[in-house]
Amino acid sequence: MYNPGCHQALDLRPLLTVALCVTLGALERKESRGGHTREDYPKTDPDLGKVNVVLRMRGDDLMVEQEPIPVMPDDLRELVES
């Protein structure tokens, strides 16, 4: 039988993990860009526009890292710029 309370309890840990990842990623990006604004960092940072904020589990720890954005292929760049 469908038990919504049981399903909610099973979903709680992954939901909390996603909420933590979103929060840590937002705190790492110390700038405002597009719809993501921060009152304490109202301007864009050109250096942060060149990286992705990535969160990964390393053992039992959640690590926040910055990785360079992959280079866009020329044919895709032409589509975006047109």
PDB file of N, CA and C in Angstrom:
ATOM      1  N   MET A   1       0.843  -1.173   0.000  1.00  0.00           N
ATOM      2  CA  MET A   1       0.000   0.000   0.000  1.00  0.00           C
ATOM      3  C   MET A   1       0.905   1.259   0.000  1.00  0.00           C
ATOM      4  N   TYR A   2       0.484   2.258  -0.686  1.00  0.00           N
ATOM      5  CA  TYR A   2       1.242   3.511  -0.763  1.00  0.00           C
ATOM      6  C   TYR A   2       1.221   4.205   0.590  1.00  0.00           C
ATOM      7  N   ASN A   3       2.393   4.545   1.076  1.00  0.00           N
ATOM      8  CA  ASN A   3       2.521   5.200   2.374  1.00  0.00           C
ATOM      9  C   ASN A   3       3.333   6.483   2.184  1.00  0.00           C
ATOM     10  N   PRO A   4       2.663   7.639   2.069  1.00  0.00           N
ATOM     11  CA  PRO A   4       3.396   8.879   1.781  1.00  0.00           C
ATOM     12  C   PRO A   4       4.408   9.234   2.868  1.00  0.00           C
ATOM     13  N   GLY A   5       4.118   8.936   4.114  1.00  0.00           N
ATOM     14  CA  GLY A   5       5.071   9.240   5.187  1.00  0.00           C
ATOM     15  C   GLY A   5       6.350   8.439   5.051  1.00  0.00           C
ATOM     16  N   CYS A   6       6.216   7.173   4.672  1.00  0.00           N
ATOM     17  CA  CYS A   6       7.392   6.319   4.479  1.00  0.00           C
ATOM     18  C   CYS A   6       8.226   6.821   3.309  1.00  0.00           C
ATOM     19  N   HIS A   7       7.572   7.168   2.207  1.00  0.00           N
ATOM     20  CA  HIS A   7       8.293   7.673   1.036  1.00  0.00           C
ATOM     21  C   HIS A   7       8.982   9.002   1.344  1.00  0.00           C
ATOM     22  N   GLN A   8       8.337   9.835   2.110  1.00  0.00           N
ATOM     23  CA  GLN A   8       8.949  11.108   2.481  1.00  0.00           C
ATOM     24  C   GLN A   8      10.178  10.865   3.351  1.00  0.00           C
ATOM     25  N   ALA A   9      10.095   9.910   4.274  1.00  0.00           N
ATOM     26  CA  ALA A   9      11.241   9.588   5.118  1.00  0.00           C
ATOM     27  C   ALA A   9      12.399   9.042   4.280  1.00  0.00           C
ATOM     28  N   LEU A  10      12.097   8.222   3.276  1.00  0.00           N
ATOM     29  CA  LEU A  10      13.145   7.680   2.409  1.00  0.00           C
ATOM     30  C   LEU A  10      13.777   8.768   1.543  1.00  0.00           C
ATOM     31  N   ASP A  11      13.007   9.770   1.164  1.00  0.00           N
ATOM     32  CA  ASP A  11      13.511  10.856   0.307  1.00  0.00           C
ATOM     33  C   ASP A  11      14.243  11.940   1.089  1.00  0.00           C
ATOM     34  N   LEU A  12      14.117  11.969   2.392  1.00  0.00           N
ATOM     35  CA  LEU A  12      14.636  13.092   3.180  1.00  0.00           C
ATOM     36  C   LEU A  12      16.149  13.235   3.073  1.00  0.00           C
ATOM     37  N   ARG A  13      16.910  12.164   3.210  1.00  0.00           N
ATOM     38  CA  ARG A  13      18.377  12.266   3.155  1.00  0.00           C
ATOM     39  C   ARG A  13      18.856  12.824   1.814  1.00  0.00           C
ATOM     40  N   PRO A  14      18.391  12.295   0.659  1.00  0.00           N
ATOM     41  CA  PRO A  14      18.834  12.889  -0.606  1.00  0.00           C
ATOM     42  C   PRO A  14      18.391  14.347  -0.768  1.00  0.00           C
ATOM     43  N   LEU A  15      17.204  14.685  -0.295  1.00  0.00           N
ATOM     44  CA  LEU A  15      16.742  16.075  -0.385  1.00  0.00           C
ATOM     45  C   LEU A  15      17.630  17.005   0.438  1.00  0.00           C
ATOM     46  N   LEU A  16      18.014  16.572   1.617  1.00  0.00           N
ATOM     47  CA  LEU A  16      18.904  17.386   2.461  1.00  0.00           C
ATOM     48  C   LEU A  16      20.289  17.506   1.831  1.00  0.00           C
ATOM     49  N   THR A  17      20.767  16.442   1.188  1.00  0.00           N
ATOM     50  CA  THR A  17      22.067  16.490   0.515  1.00  0.00           C
ATOM     51  C   THR A  17      22.041  17.496  -0.626  1.00  0.00           C
ATOM     52  N   VAL A  18      20.975  17.489  -1.417  1.00  0.00           N
ATOM     53  CA  VAL A  18      20.850  18.449  -2.526  1.00  0.00           C
ATOM     54  C   VAL A  18      20.765  19.875  -1.982  1.00  0.00           C
ATOM     55  N   ALA A  19      20.005  20.075  -0.912  1.00  0.00           N
ATOM     56  CA  ALA A  19      19.896  21.411  -0.316  1.00  0.00           C
ATOM     57  C   ALA A  19      21.261  21.898   0.167  1.00  0.00           C
ATOM     58  N   LEU A  20      22.039  21.015   0.776  1.00  0.00           N
ATOM     59  CA  LEU A  20      23.385  21.385   1.234  1.00  0.00           C
ATOM     60  C   LEU A  20      24.275  21.734   0.048  1.00  0.00           C
ATOM     61  N   CYS A  21      24.211  20.960  -1.026  1.00  0.00           N
ATOM     62  CA  CYS A  21      25.031  21.234  -2.211  1.00  0.00           C
ATOM     63  C   CYS A  21      24.676  22.583  -2.833  1.00  0.00           C
ATOM     64  N   VAL A  22      23.402  22.867  -2.949  1.00  0.00           N
ATOM     65  CA  VAL A  22      22.964  24.149  -3.525  1.00  0.00           C
ATOM     66  C   VAL A  22      23.461  25.304  -2.662  1.00  0.00           C
ATOM     67  N   THR A  23      23.360  25.156  -1.345  1.00  0.00           N
ATOM     68  CA  THR A  23      23.784  26.217  -0.433  1.00  0.00           C
ATOM     69  C   THR A  23      25.291  26.425  -0.494  1.00  0.00           C
ATOM     70  N   LEU A  24      26.066  25.339  -0.456  1.00  0.00           N
ATOM     71  CA  LEU A  24      27.529  25.469  -0.513  1.00  0.00           C
ATOM     72  C   LEU A  24      27.980  26.052  -1.851  1.00  0.00           C
ATOM     73  N   GLY A  25      27.329  25.643  -2.942  1.00  0.00           N
ATOM     74  CA  GLY A  25      27.667  26.193  -4.254  1.00  0.00           C
ATOM     75  C   GLY A  25      27.366  27.682  -4.334  1.00  0.00           C
ATOM     76  N   ALA A  26      26.243  28.099  -3.759  1.00  0.00           N
ATOM     77  CA  ALA A  26      25.881  29.518  -3.765  1.00  0.00           C
ATOM     78  C   ALA A  26      26.857  30.338  -2.933  1.00  0.00           C
ATOM     79  N   LEU A  27      27.286  29.796  -1.810  1.00  0.00           N
ATOM     80  CA  LEU A  27      28.244  30.526  -0.972  1.00  0.00           C
ATOM     81  C   LEU A  27      29.615  30.622  -1.621  1.00  0.00           C
ATOM     82  N   GLU A  28      29.974  29.632  -2.416  1.00  0.00           N
ATOM     83  CA  GLU A  28      31.280  29.631  -3.094  1.00  0.00           C
ATOM     84  C   GLU A  28      31.354  30.709  -4.173  1.00  0.00           C
ATOM     85  N   ARG A  29      30.238  30.973  -4.836  1.00  0.00           N
ATOM     86  CA  ARG A  29      30.221  31.953  -5.924  1.00  0.00           C
ATOM     87  C   ARG A  29      29.985  33.333  -5.337  1.00  0.00           C
ATOM     88  N   LYS A  30      31.063  34.049  -5.101  1.00  0.00           N
ATOM     89  CA  LYS A  30      31.000  35.355  -4.450  1.00  0.00           C
ATOM     90  C   LYS A  30      30.830  36.455  -5.494  1.00  0.00           C
ATOM     91  N   GLU A  31      29.668  36.450  -6.130  1.00  0.00           N
ATOM     92  CA  GLU A  31      29.334  37.422  -7.164  1.00  0.00           C
ATOM     93  C   GLU A  31      27.841  37.355  -7.411  1.00  0.00           C
ATOM     94  N   SER A  32      27.350  38.282  -8.216  1.00  0.00           N
ATOM     95  CA  SER A  32      25.983  38.238  -8.718  1.00  0.00           C
ATOM     96  C   SER A  32      26.060  38.023 -10.220  1.00  0.00           C
ATOM     97  N   ARG A  33      25.254  37.088 -10.712  1.00  0.00           N
ATOM     98  CA  ARG A  33      25.266  36.784 -12.148  1.00  0.00           C
ATOM     99  C   ARG A  33      23.881  36.305 -12.539  1.00  0.00           C
ATOM    100  N   GLY A  34      23.279  36.955 -13.528  1.00  0.00           N
ATOM    101  CA  GLY A  34      21.962  36.547 -13.998  1.00  0.00           C
ATOM    102  C   GLY A  34      20.935  36.610 -12.876  1.00  0.00           C
ATOM    103  N   GLY A  35      20.203  35.523 -12.698  1.00  0.00           N
ATOM    104  CA  GLY A  35      19.174  35.458 -11.665  1.00  0.00           C
ATOM    105  C   GLY A  35      19.737  35.128 -10.293  1.00  0.00           C
ATOM    106  N   HIS A  36      21.031  34.875 -10.215  1.00  0.00           N
ATOM    107  CA  HIS A  36      21.675  34.532  -8.948  1.00  0.00           C
ATOM    108  C   HIS A  36      22.356  35.775  -8.393  1.00  0.00           C
ATOM    109  N   THR A  37      21.686  36.439  -7.477  1.00  0.00           N
ATOM    110  CA  THR A  37      22.223  37.686  -6.942  1.00  0.00           C
ATOM    111  C   THR A  37      22.532  37.537  -5.465  1.00  0.00           C
ATOM    112  N   ARG A  38      23.524  38.292  -5.036  1.00  0.00           N
ATOM    113  CA  ARG A  38      23.892  38.361  -3.633  1.00  0.00           C
ATOM    114  C   ARG A  38      24.048  39.819  -3.251  1.00  0.00           C
ATOM    115  N   GLU A  39      23.452  40.207  -2.150  1.00  0.00           N
ATOM    116  CA  GLU A  39      23.569  41.593  -1.704  1.00  0.00           C
ATOM    117  C   GLU A  39      24.993  41.916  -1.273  1.00  0.00           C
ATOM    118  N   ASP A  40      25.717  40.924  -0.739  1.00  0.00           N
ATOM    119  CA  ASP A  40      27.078  41.172  -0.276  1.00  0.00           C
ATOM    120  C   ASP A  40      28.096  41.163  -1.418  1.00  0.00           C
ATOM    121  N   TYR A  41      27.731  40.659  -2.595  1.00  0.00           N
ATOM    122  CA  TYR A  41      28.583  40.678  -3.785  1.00  0.00           C
ATOM    123  C   TYR A  41      27.718  41.099  -4.978  1.00  0.00           C
ATOM    124  N   PRO A  42      27.443  42.402  -5.133  1.00  0.00           N
ATOM    125  CA  PRO A  42      26.485  42.843  -6.160  1.00  0.00           C
ATOM    126  C   PRO A  42      27.029  42.819  -7.591  1.00  0.00           C
ATOM    127  N   LYS A  43      28.338  42.700  -7.773  1.00  0.00           N
ATOM    128  CA  LYS A  43      28.915  42.768  -9.117  1.00  0.00           C
ATOM    129  C   LYS A  43      29.339  41.377  -9.587  1.00  0.00           C
ATOM    130  N   THR A  44      29.509  41.256 -10.927  1.00  0.00           N
ATOM    131  CA  THR A  44      30.012  40.004 -11.477  1.00  0.00           C
ATOM    132  C   THR A  44      31.527  39.953 -11.351  1.00  0.00           C
ATOM    133  N   ASP A  45      32.047  38.761 -11.239  1.00  0.00           N
ATOM    134  CA  ASP A  45      33.487  38.533 -11.188  1.00  0.00           C
ATOM    135  C   ASP A  45      33.875  37.805 -12.464  1.00  0.00           C
ATOM    136  N   PRO A  46      34.636  38.438 -13.351  1.00  0.00           N
ATOM    137  CA  PRO A  46      34.973  37.802 -14.623  1.00  0.00           C
ATOM    138  C   PRO A  46      35.702  36.471 -14.448  1.00  0.00           C
ATOM    139  N   ASP A  47      36.492  36.333 -13.391  1.00  0.00           N
ATOM    140  CA  ASP A  47      37.208  35.077 -13.165  1.00  0.00           C
ATOM    141  C   ASP A  47      36.242  33.939 -12.820  1.00  0.00           C
ATOM    142  N   LEU A  48      35.196  34.231 -12.051  1.00  0.00           N
ATOM    143  CA  LEU A  48      34.217  33.192 -11.713  1.00  0.00           C
ATOM    144  C   LEU A  48      33.348  32.830 -12.908  1.00  0.00           C
ATOM    145  N   GLY A  49      33.293  33.684 -13.915  1.00  0.00           N
ATOM    146  CA  GLY A  49      32.563  33.370 -15.132  1.00  0.00           C
ATOM    147  C   GLY A  49      33.273  32.339 -15.991  1.00  0.00           C
ATOM    148  N   LYS A  50      34.502  31.980 -15.619  1.00  0.00           N
ATOM    149  CA  LYS A  50      35.296  31.019 -16.393  1.00  0.00           C
ATOM    150  C   LYS A  50      35.354  29.641 -15.742  1.00  0.00           C
ATOM    151  N   VAL A  51      34.657  29.479 -14.604  1.00  0.00           N
ATOM    152  CA  VAL A  51      34.721  28.200 -13.888  1.00  0.00           C
ATOM    153  C   VAL A  51      33.317  27.704 -13.540  1.00  0.00           C
ATOM    154  N   ASN A  52      33.226  26.392 -13.332  1.00  0.00           N
ATOM    155  CA  ASN A  52      32.037  25.771 -12.762  1.00  0.00           C
ATOM    156  C   ASN A  52      32.342  25.439 -11.311  1.00  0.00           C
ATOM    157  N   VAL A  53      31.387  25.672 -10.439  1.00  0.00           N
ATOM    158  CA  VAL A  53      31.508  25.251  -9.050  1.00  0.00           C
ATOM    159  C   VAL A  53      30.975  23.822  -8.986  1.00  0.00           C
ATOM    160  N   VAL A  54      31.829  22.894  -8.549  1.00  0.00           N
ATOM    161  CA  VAL A  54      31.493  21.473  -8.554  1.00  0.00           C
ATOM    162  C   VAL A  54      31.598  20.952  -7.128  1.00  0.00           C
ATOM    163  N   LEU A  55      30.606  20.151  -6.718  1.00  0.00           N
ATOM    164  CA  LEU A  55      30.638  19.518  -5.400  1.00  0.00           C
ATOM    165  C   LEU A  55      30.723  18.017  -5.594  1.00  0.00           C
ATOM    166  N   ARG A  56      31.652  17.392  -4.844  1.00  0.00           N
ATOM    167  CA  ARG A  56      31.853  15.948  -4.942  1.00  0.00           C
ATOM    168  C   ARG A  56      32.053  15.369  -3.552  1.00  0.00           C
ATOM    169  N   MET A  57      31.618  14.124  -3.407  1.00  0.00           N
ATOM    170  CA  MET A  57      31.896  13.409  -2.169  1.00  0.00           C
ATOM    171  C   MET A  57      33.306  12.839  -2.253  1.00  0.00           C
ATOM    172  N   ARG A  58      34.116  13.103  -1.260  1.00  0.00           N
ATOM    173  CA  ARG A  58      35.458  12.530  -1.121  1.00  0.00           C
ATOM    174  C   ARG A  58      35.447  11.779   0.208  1.00  0.00           C
ATOM    175  N   GLY A  59      35.212  10.472   0.129  1.00  0.00           N
ATOM    176  CA  GLY A  59      35.025   9.703   1.349  1.00  0.00           C
ATOM    177  C   GLY A  59      33.711  10.119   1.987  1.00  0.00           C
ATOM    178  N   ASP A  60      33.775  10.612   3.205  1.00  0.00           N
ATOM    179  CA  ASP A  60      32.576  11.081   3.902  1.00  0.00           C
ATOM    180  C   ASP A  60      32.407  12.596   3.826  1.00  0.00           C
ATOM    181  N   ASP A  61      33.325  13.280   3.128  1.00  0.00           N
ATOM    182  CA  ASP A  61      33.312  14.741   3.083  1.00  0.00           C
ATOM    183  C   ASP A  61      32.786  15.243   1.748  1.00  0.00           C
ATOM    184  N   LEU A  62      32.043  16.312   1.804  1.00  0.00           N
ATOM    185  CA  LEU A  62      31.550  16.991   0.613  1.00  0.00           C
ATOM    186  C   LEU A  62      32.546  18.101   0.280  1.00  0.00           C
ATOM    187  N   MET A  63      33.171  18.023  -0.886  1.00  0.00           N
ATOM    188  CA  MET A  63      34.205  18.973  -1.276  1.00  0.00           C
ATOM    189  C   MET A  63      33.674  19.937  -2.335  1.00  0.00           C
ATOM    190  N   VAL A  64      33.976  21.218  -2.158  1.00  0.00           N
ATOM    191  CA  VAL A  64      33.605  22.257  -3.114  1.00  0.00           C
ATOM    192  C   VAL A  64      34.851  22.595  -3.916  1.00  0.00           C
ATOM    193  N   GLU A  65      34.748  22.497  -5.235  1.00  0.00           N
ATOM    194  CA  GLU A  65      35.890  22.760  -6.110  1.00  0.00           C
ATOM    195  C   GLU A  65      35.454  23.651  -7.268  1.00  0.00           C
ATOM    196  N   GLN A  66      36.425  24.321  -7.857  1.00  0.00           N
ATOM    197  CA  GLN A  66      36.171  25.101  -9.064  1.00  0.00           C
ATOM    198  C   GLN A  66      36.941  24.448 -10.196  1.00  0.00           C
ATOM    199  N   GLU A  67      36.240  24.203 -11.313  1.00  0.00           N
ATOM    200  CA  GLU A  67      36.860  23.597 -12.486  1.00  0.00           C
ATOM    201  C   GLU A  67      36.652  24.512 -13.678  1.00  0.00           C
ATOM    202  N   PRO A  68      37.657  24.627 -14.553  1.00  0.00           N
ATOM    203  CA  PRO A  68      37.490  25.471 -15.744  1.00  0.00           C
ATOM    204  C   PRO A  68      36.326  24.984 -16.599  1.00  0.00           C
ATOM    205  N   ILE A  69      35.605  25.933 -17.169  1.00  0.00           N
ATOM    206  CA  ILE A  69      34.516  25.588 -18.083  1.00  0.00           C
ATOM    207  C   ILE A  69      35.144  25.030 -19.357  1.00  0.00           C
ATOM    208  N   PRO A  70      34.653  23.875 -19.840  1.00  0.00           N
ATOM    209  CA  PRO A  70      35.216  23.314 -21.078  1.00  0.00           C
ATOM    210  C   PRO A  70      35.055  24.283 -22.248  1.00  0.00           C
ATOM    211  N   VAL A  71      35.993  24.229 -23.163  1.00  0.00           N
ATOM    212  CA  VAL A  71      35.950  25.089 -24.341  1.00  0.00           C
ATOM    213  C   VAL A  71      34.773  24.668 -25.219  1.00  0.00           C
ATOM    214  N   MET A  72      34.002  25.651 -25.666  1.00  0.00           N
ATOM    215  CA  MET A  72      32.845  25.384 -26.521  1.00  0.00           C
ATOM    216  C   MET A  72      33.317  25.098 -27.943  1.00  0.00           C
ATOM    217  N   PRO A  73      32.810  24.022 -28.548  1.00  0.00           N
ATOM    218  CA  PRO A  73      33.192  23.747 -29.948  1.00  0.00           C
ATOM    219  C   PRO A  73      32.788  24.906 -30.859  1.00  0.00           C
ATOM    220  N   ASP A  74      33.574  25.110 -31.925  1.00  0.00           N
ATOM    221  CA  ASP A  74      33.354  26.241 -32.823  1.00  0.00           C
ATOM    222  C   ASP A  74      31.954  26.247 -33.428  1.00  0.00           C
ATOM    223  N   ASP A  75      31.451  25.074 -33.837  1.00  0.00           N
ATOM    224  CA  ASP A  75      30.127  25.052 -34.466  1.00  0.00           C
ATOM    225  C   ASP A  75      29.030  25.439 -33.487  1.00  0.00           C
ATOM    226  N   LEU A  76      29.166  25.057 -32.232  1.00  0.00           N
ATOM    227  CA  LEU A  76      28.184  25.442 -31.221  1.00  0.00           C
ATOM    228  C   LEU A  76      28.306  26.930 -30.894  1.00  0.00           C
ATOM    229  N   ARG A  77      29.539  27.427 -30.843  1.00  0.00           N
ATOM    230  CA  ARG A  77      29.752  28.845 -30.574  1.00  0.00           C
ATOM    231  C   ARG A  77      29.095  29.718 -31.648  1.00  0.00           C
ATOM    232  N   GLU A  78      29.191  29.288 -32.903  1.00  0.00           N
ATOM    233  CA  GLU A  78      28.564  30.035 -33.995  1.00  0.00           C
ATOM    234  C   GLU A  78      27.047  30.100 -33.808  1.00  0.00           C
ATOM    235  N   LEU A  79      26.438  28.997 -33.385  1.00  0.00           N
ATOM    236  CA  LEU A  79      25.001  28.994 -33.144  1.00  0.00           C
ATOM    237  C   LEU A  79      24.618  29.923 -32.010  1.00  0.00           C
ATOM    238  N   VAL A  80      25.390  29.911 -30.944  1.00  0.00           N
ATOM    239  CA  VAL A  80      25.087  30.740 -29.781  1.00  0.00           C
ATOM    240  C   VAL A  80      25.254  32.211 -30.104  1.00  0.00           C
ATOM    241  N   GLU A  81      26.276  32.543 -30.850  1.00  0.00           N
ATOM    242  CA  GLU A  81      26.558  33.952 -31.147  1.00  0.00           C
ATOM    243  C   GLU A  81      25.660  34.524 -32.225  1.00  0.00           C
ATOM    244  N   SER A  82      24.975  33.688 -32.991  1.00  0.00           N
ATOM    245  CA  SER A  82      24.125  34.214 -34.072  1.00  0.00           C
ATOM    246  C   SER A  82      22.746  34.588 -33.580  1.00  0.00           C
TER     247      SER A  82
END
